[in-house]
Protein backbone atom coordinates (compact mmCIF):
# COMPACT_ATOMS: atom_id res chain seq x y z
CA UNK A 1 0.00 0.00 0.00
CA UNK A 2 1.24 3.44 -0.86
CA UNK A 3 2.36 5.47 2.11
CA UNK A 4 0.14 8.54 2.59
CA UNK A 5 2.34 10.31 5.16
CA UNK A 6 2.20 14.08 4.84
CA UNK A 7 4.10 15.54 1.88
CA UNK A 8 6.98 17.95 2.16
CA UNK A 9 5.92 21.45 3.21
CA UNK A 10 8.41 24.17 2.36
CA UNK A 11 7.43 26.76 4.92
CA UNK A 12 10.34 29.10 4.31
CA UNK A 13 8.89 30.23 0.99
CA UNK A 14 5.34 29.15 1.83
CA UNK A 15 5.20 26.57 -0.96
CA UNK A 16 2.51 24.22 0.36
CA UNK A 17 1.42 20.88 -1.05
CA UNK A 18 -1.68 19.18 0.25
CA UNK A 19 -2.31 15.45 0.64
CA UNK A 20 -3.93 14.22 -2.59
CA UNK A 21 -6.82 12.39 -0.98
CA UNK A 22 -7.70 15.27 1.35
CA UNK A 23 -7.36 17.70 -1.52
CA UNK A 24 -9.78 15.76 -3.67
CA UNK A 25 -12.34 15.76 -0.88
CA UNK A 26 -11.96 19.35 0.16
CA UNK A 27 -11.79 21.85 -2.68
CA UNK A 28 -11.94 24.70 -0.18
CA UNK A 29 -8.70 23.55 1.43
CA UNK A 30 -7.02 23.41 -2.00
CA UNK A 31 -8.01 27.01 -2.65
CA UNK A 32 -6.80 28.04 0.82
CA UNK A 33 -3.42 26.36 0.38
CA UNK A 34 -2.86 28.35 -2.79
CA UNK A 35 -3.14 31.46 -0.61
CA UNK A 36 -1.16 29.96 2.29
CA UNK A 37 1.59 32.56 2.38
CA UNK A 38 -0.76 35.52 2.63
CA UNK A 39 -2.96 33.83 5.22
CA UNK A 40 -0.04 32.76 7.40
CA UNK A 41 1.52 36.22 7.31
CA UNK A 42 -1.84 37.76 8.15
CA UNK A 43 -2.26 35.41 11.10
CA UNK A 44 1.23 36.14 12.43
CA UNK A 45 0.57 39.88 12.16
CA UNK A 46 -2.70 39.47 14.07
CA UNK A 47 -0.96 37.44 16.78
CA UNK A 48 1.78 40.04 17.19
CA UNK A 49 -0.75 42.78 17.90
CA UNK A 50 -3.19 40.60 19.87
CA UNK A 51 -3.62 41.55 23.53
CA UNK A 52 -3.28 38.02 24.89
CA UNK A 53 -1.45 36.14 22.12
CA UNK A 54 1.32 38.69 21.51
CA UNK A 55 3.60 37.27 24.26
CA UNK A 56 3.69 34.05 22.23
CA UNK A 57 4.17 35.48 18.73
CA UNK A 58 7.82 34.43 18.66
CA UNK A 59 7.09 31.00 20.12
CA UNK A 60 4.27 29.69 17.93
CA UNK A 61 6.19 28.28 14.96
CA UNK A 62 5.00 28.35 11.34
CA UNK A 63 4.22 24.64 11.12
CA UNK A 64 2.07 24.76 14.25
CA UNK A 65 0.23 27.81 12.96
CA UNK A 66 -0.34 26.14 9.58
CA UNK A 67 -1.90 23.21 11.42
CA UNK A 68 -4.28 25.56 13.21
CA UNK A 69 -5.09 27.42 9.99
CA UNK A 70 -5.87 24.27 8.06
CA UNK A 71 -8.03 22.97 10.91
CA UNK A 72 -10.06 26.17 10.71
CA UNK A 73 -10.26 26.17 6.89
CA UNK A 74 -7.85 29.11 6.78
CA UNK A 75 -10.35 31.36 8.55
CA UNK A 76 -8.03 33.71 10.45
CA UNK A 77 -10.68 34.88 12.92
CA UNK A 78 -11.61 31.30 13.83
CA UNK A 79 -7.93 30.41 14.10
CA UNK A 80 -7.32 33.30 16.51
CA UNK A 81 -10.16 32.07 18.74
CA UNK A 82 -8.78 28.55 18.66
CA UNK A 83 -5.30 29.79 19.56
CA UNK A 84 -6.74 31.78 22.46
CA UNK A 85 -8.29 28.59 23.80
CA UNK A 86 -5.07 26.64 23.19
CA UNK A 87 -2.95 29.20 25.07
CA UNK A 88 -5.50 29.46 27.88
CA UNK A 89 -5.62 25.70 28.44
CA UNK A 90 -1.85 25.27 28.25
CA UNK A 91 -0.65 28.32 30.15
CA UNK A 92 -3.49 29.22 32.49
CA UNK A 93 -5.95 26.49 33.38
CA UNK A 94 -3.48 23.57 33.32
CA UNK A 95 -0.25 25.51 33.73
CA UNK A 96 0.58 23.93 37.10
CA UNK A 97 -0.15 20.42 35.83
CA UNK A 98 1.87 20.67 32.60
CA UNK A 99 4.76 22.91 33.63
CA UNK A 100 6.97 20.17 35.20
CA UNK A 101 7.13 18.07 32.02
CA UNK A 102 9.44 18.19 28.99
CA UNK A 103 9.63 15.85 25.96
CA UNK A 104 13.31 15.04 26.61
CA UNK A 105 12.42 13.44 29.96
CA UNK A 106 9.20 11.77 28.84
CA UNK A 107 9.70 8.04 29.49
CA UNK A 108 6.32 7.18 27.95
CA UNK A 109 7.45 8.53 24.59
CA UNK A 110 9.56 5.39 24.12
CA UNK A 111 6.61 3.07 24.76
CA UNK A 112 3.67 2.04 22.58
CA UNK A 113 1.37 4.46 24.42
CA UNK A 114 0.71 6.92 21.58
CA UNK A 115 1.37 6.17 17.92
CA UNK A 116 0.21 7.42 14.53
CA UNK A 117 -0.20 5.20 11.48
CA UNK A 118 1.97 5.79 8.42
CA UNK A 119 -0.98 5.34 6.09
CA UNK A 120 -4.23 7.30 5.99
CA UNK A 121 -7.61 5.60 6.14
CA UNK A 122 -9.91 5.20 3.14
CA UNK A 123 -11.03 8.81 3.52
CA UNK A 124 -7.55 10.28 3.73
CA UNK A 125 -7.72 10.89 7.49
CA UNK A 126 -4.78 10.21 9.77
CA UNK A 127 -5.18 7.62 12.51
CA UNK A 128 -3.89 7.90 16.10
CA UNK A 129 -3.68 4.83 18.34
CA UNK A 130 -3.37 4.88 22.14
CA UNK A 131 -2.47 1.57 23.83
CA UNK A 132 -3.24 1.88 27.52
CA UNK A 133 -1.39 -1.35 28.29
CA UNK A 134 1.84 0.59 27.78
CA UNK A 135 1.06 2.72 30.85
CA UNK A 136 2.32 1.30 34.13
CA UNK A 137 0.58 3.36 36.87
CA UNK A 138 3.14 2.26 39.46
CA UNK A 139 5.85 3.98 37.40
CA UNK A 140 4.04 6.86 35.68
CA UNK A 141 1.08 8.88 36.90
CA UNK A 142 -2.00 9.76 34.89
CA UNK A 143 -0.59 13.29 34.63
CA UNK A 144 2.52 11.81 33.01
CA UNK A 145 0.22 10.21 30.44
CA UNK A 146 -1.60 13.48 29.73
CA UNK A 147 1.67 15.40 29.31
CA UNK A 148 3.08 12.75 26.96
CA UNK A 149 -0.01 12.89 24.76
CA UNK A 150 0.14 16.72 24.79
CA UNK A 151 3.65 16.59 23.29
CA UNK A 152 2.50 14.07 20.70
CA UNK A 153 -0.63 16.04 19.74
CA UNK A 154 1.35 19.23 19.20
CA UNK A 155 3.70 17.43 16.83
CA UNK A 156 0.74 15.85 15.04
CA UNK A 157 -0.59 19.37 14.50
CA UNK A 158 2.71 20.35 12.88
CA UNK A 159 3.28 17.19 10.86
CA UNK A 160 -0.19 16.01 9.90
CA UNK A 161 -2.87 18.65 10.51
CA UNK A 162 -1.08 20.97 8.08
CA UNK A 163 -2.33 18.75 5.24
CA UNK A 164 -5.48 17.09 6.57
CA UNK A 165 -7.12 18.08 9.83
CA UNK A 166 -9.48 15.12 10.22
CA UNK A 167 -8.39 12.43 12.66
CA UNK A 168 -9.52 8.95 13.70
CA UNK A 169 -8.77 7.86 17.29
CA UNK A 170 -8.39 4.22 18.33
CA UNK A 171 -8.05 3.35 22.02
CA UNK A 172 -6.82 -0.17 22.79
CA UNK A 173 -7.94 -0.92 26.35
CA UNK A 174 -6.39 -4.39 26.57
CA UNK A 175 -5.48 -5.34 30.17
CA UNK A 176 -6.74 -2.01 31.54
CA UNK A 177 -6.31 -2.38 35.29
CA UNK A 178 -8.02 -1.25 38.46
CA UNK A 179 -4.92 0.79 39.32
CA UNK A 180 -5.22 2.63 36.02
CA UNK A 181 -8.93 3.24 36.56
CA UNK A 182 -8.20 4.72 40.00
CA UNK A 183 -5.96 7.36 38.43
CA UNK A 184 -8.03 8.01 35.30
CA UNK A 185 -10.99 9.59 37.10
CA UNK A 186 -13.24 12.52 36.16
CA UNK A 187 -10.56 15.15 36.79
CA UNK A 188 -8.15 13.55 34.29
CA UNK A 189 -10.91 12.83 31.76
CA UNK A 190 -12.05 16.47 31.91
CA UNK A 191 -8.46 17.60 31.42
CA UNK A 192 -8.04 15.25 28.45
CA UNK A 193 -11.20 16.54 26.76
CA UNK A 194 -10.04 20.12 27.31
CA UNK A 195 -6.56 19.52 25.93
CA UNK A 196 -7.25 17.03 23.15
CA UNK A 197 -10.71 18.02 21.91
CA UNK A 198 -11.56 21.59 22.88
CA UNK A 199 -8.39 23.46 22.02
CA UNK A 200 -6.81 21.76 19.02
CA UNK A 201 -7.55 22.39 15.34
CA UNK A 202 -7.91 18.73 14.31
CA UNK A 203 -11.45 17.50 13.79
CA UNK A 204 -12.09 14.10 15.41
CA UNK A 205 -14.29 12.09 13.06
CA UNK A 206 -14.50 8.94 15.18
CA UNK A 207 -13.41 7.49 18.53
CA UNK A 208 -13.02 3.71 18.44
CA UNK A 209 -12.38 1.65 21.59
CA UNK A 210 -11.47 -2.04 21.61
CA UNK A 211 -10.73 -4.67 24.26
CA UNK A 212 -12.44 -2.70 27.01
CA UNK A 213 -13.37 -4.31 30.34
CA UNK A 214 -15.46 -3.49 33.40
CA UNK A 215 -12.89 -0.97 34.66
CA UNK A 216 -13.25 1.05 31.45
CA UNK A 217 -17.05 1.01 31.30
CA UNK A 218 -17.48 3.54 34.10
CA UNK A 219 -14.92 5.85 32.50
CA UNK A 220 -16.90 5.83 29.24
CA UNK A 221 -19.93 7.12 31.13
CA UNK A 222 -17.87 10.04 32.46
CA UNK A 223 -16.32 10.69 29.05
CA UNK A 224 -19.73 10.93 27.39
CA UNK A 225 -20.80 13.64 29.84
CA UNK A 226 -17.99 15.90 28.60
CA UNK A 227 -18.63 15.43 24.88
CA UNK A 228 -21.12 17.24 22.68
CA UNK A 229 -24.01 15.27 21.19
CA UNK A 230 -22.26 15.21 17.81
CA UNK A 231 -19.07 13.78 19.31
CA UNK A 232 -20.97 11.26 21.43
CA UNK A 233 -22.46 9.91 18.22
CA UNK A 234 -18.91 9.35 16.93
CA UNK A 235 -18.00 7.15 19.89
CA UNK A 236 -17.80 3.45 18.92
CA UNK A 237 -17.29 0.60 21.40
CA UNK A 238 -16.19 -2.64 19.72
CA UNK A 239 -15.06 -4.78 22.70
CA UNK A 240 -12.94 -7.68 21.38
CA UNK A 241 -14.67 -7.79 17.98
CA UNK A 242 -11.91 -6.34 15.82
CA UNK A 243 -13.90 -7.08 12.68
CA UNK A 244 -16.24 -4.26 13.72
CA UNK A 245 -13.24 -1.94 13.92
CA UNK A 246 -12.18 -3.05 10.43
CA UNK A 247 -15.54 -1.93 9.05
CA UNK A 248 -14.43 1.61 9.87
CA UNK A 249 -10.63 1.41 9.57
CA UNK A 250 -9.20 -1.00 6.95
CA UNK A 251 -7.05 -3.80 8.34
CA UNK A 252 -4.57 -3.19 5.53
CA UNK A 253 -3.22 -0.13 7.37
CA UNK A 254 -3.47 -1.48 10.95
CA UNK A 255 -0.82 -3.30 13.03
CA UNK A 256 -1.20 -6.99 13.85
CA UNK A 257 -2.15 -6.15 17.46
CA UNK A 258 -5.40 -4.69 16.11
CA UNK A 259 -6.03 -7.55 13.71
CA UNK A 260 -4.26 -5.74 10.89
CA UNK A 261 -1.88 -6.93 8.20
CA UNK A 262 1.20 -4.92 9.15
CA UNK A 263 4.14 -5.31 11.49
CA UNK A 264 4.69 -2.37 13.82
CA UNK A 265 7.61 -1.08 11.77
CA UNK A 266 5.42 -0.96 8.68
CA UNK A 267 2.30 0.34 10.42
CA UNK A 268 3.63 3.21 12.53
CA UNK A 269 5.40 6.49 11.82
CA UNK A 270 8.63 5.87 13.71
CA UNK A 271 10.15 9.28 12.97
CA UNK A 272 7.66 11.37 14.91
CA UNK A 273 9.23 10.47 18.27
CA UNK A 274 12.51 12.15 17.33
CA UNK A 275 10.63 15.28 16.27
CA UNK A 276 8.79 15.34 19.60
CA UNK A 277 12.05 14.95 21.52
CA UNK A 278 13.43 18.04 19.80
CA UNK A 279 10.71 20.40 21.08
CA UNK A 280 11.92 21.10 24.63
CA UNK A 281 12.64 24.73 23.82
CA UNK A 282 9.05 25.31 22.69
CA UNK A 283 7.64 24.20 26.06
CA UNK A 284 10.29 26.04 28.08
CA UNK A 285 9.48 29.28 26.28
CA UNK A 286 5.75 28.70 26.64
CA UNK A 287 6.19 28.26 30.39
CA UNK A 288 8.42 31.32 30.70
CA UNK A 289 6.00 33.50 28.76
CA UNK A 290 3.09 32.38 30.90
CA UNK A 291 4.69 33.53 34.15
CA UNK A 292 4.17 37.28 33.96
CA UNK A 293 2.17 38.03 30.84
CA UNK A 294 -1.06 36.00 31.15
CA UNK A 295 -4.00 37.22 33.18
CA UNK A 296 -6.43 34.39 33.86
CA UNK A 297 -9.54 36.56 34.04
CA UNK A 298 -8.85 38.07 30.64
CA UNK A 299 -8.86 34.70 28.95
CA UNK A 300 -11.82 33.29 30.85
CA UNK A 301 -14.09 36.22 30.05
CA UNK A 302 -13.63 35.69 26.31
CA UNK A 303 -14.12 31.91 26.12
CA UNK A 304 -17.82 31.03 26.41
CA UNK A 305 -18.62 27.56 27.64
CA UNK A 306 -15.48 27.46 29.74
CA UNK A 307 -14.92 27.96 33.44
CA UNK A 308 -16.09 31.38 34.63
CA UNK A 309 -14.43 31.17 38.01
CA UNK A 310 -10.84 31.37 39.14
CA UNK A 311 -8.13 28.84 38.41
CA UNK A 312 -8.38 27.57 41.99
CA UNK A 313 -12.07 26.76 41.58
CA UNK A 314 -11.09 24.43 38.74
CA UNK A 315 -8.27 22.77 40.66
CA UNK A 316 -8.36 19.14 41.81
CA UNK A 317 -8.73 20.32 45.41
CA UNK A 318 -12.32 21.30 44.73
CA UNK A 319 -13.34 17.83 43.56
CA UNK A 320 -16.75 17.70 41.88
CA UNK A 321 -17.13 21.49 41.89
CA UNK A 322 -14.69 21.70 38.99
CA UNK A 323 -16.86 19.49 36.75
CA UNK A 324 -19.56 22.14 36.56
CA UNK A 325 -17.13 24.46 34.80
CA UNK A 326 -16.97 22.43 31.60
CA UNK A 327 -20.27 20.56 31.33
CA UNK A 328 -21.26 22.83 28.46
CA UNK A 329 -20.42 20.83 25.32
CA UNK A 330 -19.97 23.92 23.18
CA UNK A 331 -16.75 25.85 22.89
CA UNK A 332 -15.27 28.43 20.59
CA UNK A 333 -12.85 25.83 19.29
CA UNK A 334 -14.62 22.53 19.85
CA UNK A 335 -14.02 20.59 16.60
CA UNK A 336 -16.87 19.16 14.56
């Protein structure tokens, strides 16, 4: 099978080439990519003069911005709103939780926890796989898991969302344990929805879960409460019936562990890990810029559907009180 990994993007002179399959399906994106240089320059100019984004104008790199632009169909206004939400989640609401972590010290990055397939699905969408068996809760906390996926998602935005912003998620829950379930409670699920659904430009077209057990069932109930009706309808539970998964994602592009035809080395993009490892400076600068330049109230007042209280009200110390802050399924940037 032909490899559909993203084509070369020459950002220095803004010569952009879009994935063929995505291009055929989305004429609007083709038109937008022809005007990529003007749109990107316009966005960067807007960021530089933006009250809350300007501290980050030298940090948000071109490839990341192109991923956001493509996810918002090159609508600069919508991209600005999405970036506001992204910065708010990363540097205000979850600043304390994410600040201690860097890609260079991420031990989970070397495991099978988060992977992306080399080949696109039949609709040209990229496919992300999370294998929860790779997480040992006695070694790494649930916050370690969230941080590791954050690093991975940012690189996916640079490497994949620049050409096709639609994504398929597959969660392999094989051997999910009671110890894992204890750590993956409502607080972590809410954080995951915030960071991986509400403030990224990629549009999740389906969530597939396989090999789930009784420990996972309760977590699904919590997850559904944080998703919009449209996203809940895209949630598919297949249990151990991998043939049901193959009705949505062809086995020809999947690894053997998911009933596919490919060895891991042929199924997965092995190069993305090295790119993630090289992004320490991005997260250090993000953290430094968040220290003195971000005012929490300013962000909160402009993001409807998000928490309208202080950061402390949304902290883990307040338990169930924090869940009321994000029960609204709508958000400025919530993908559809």
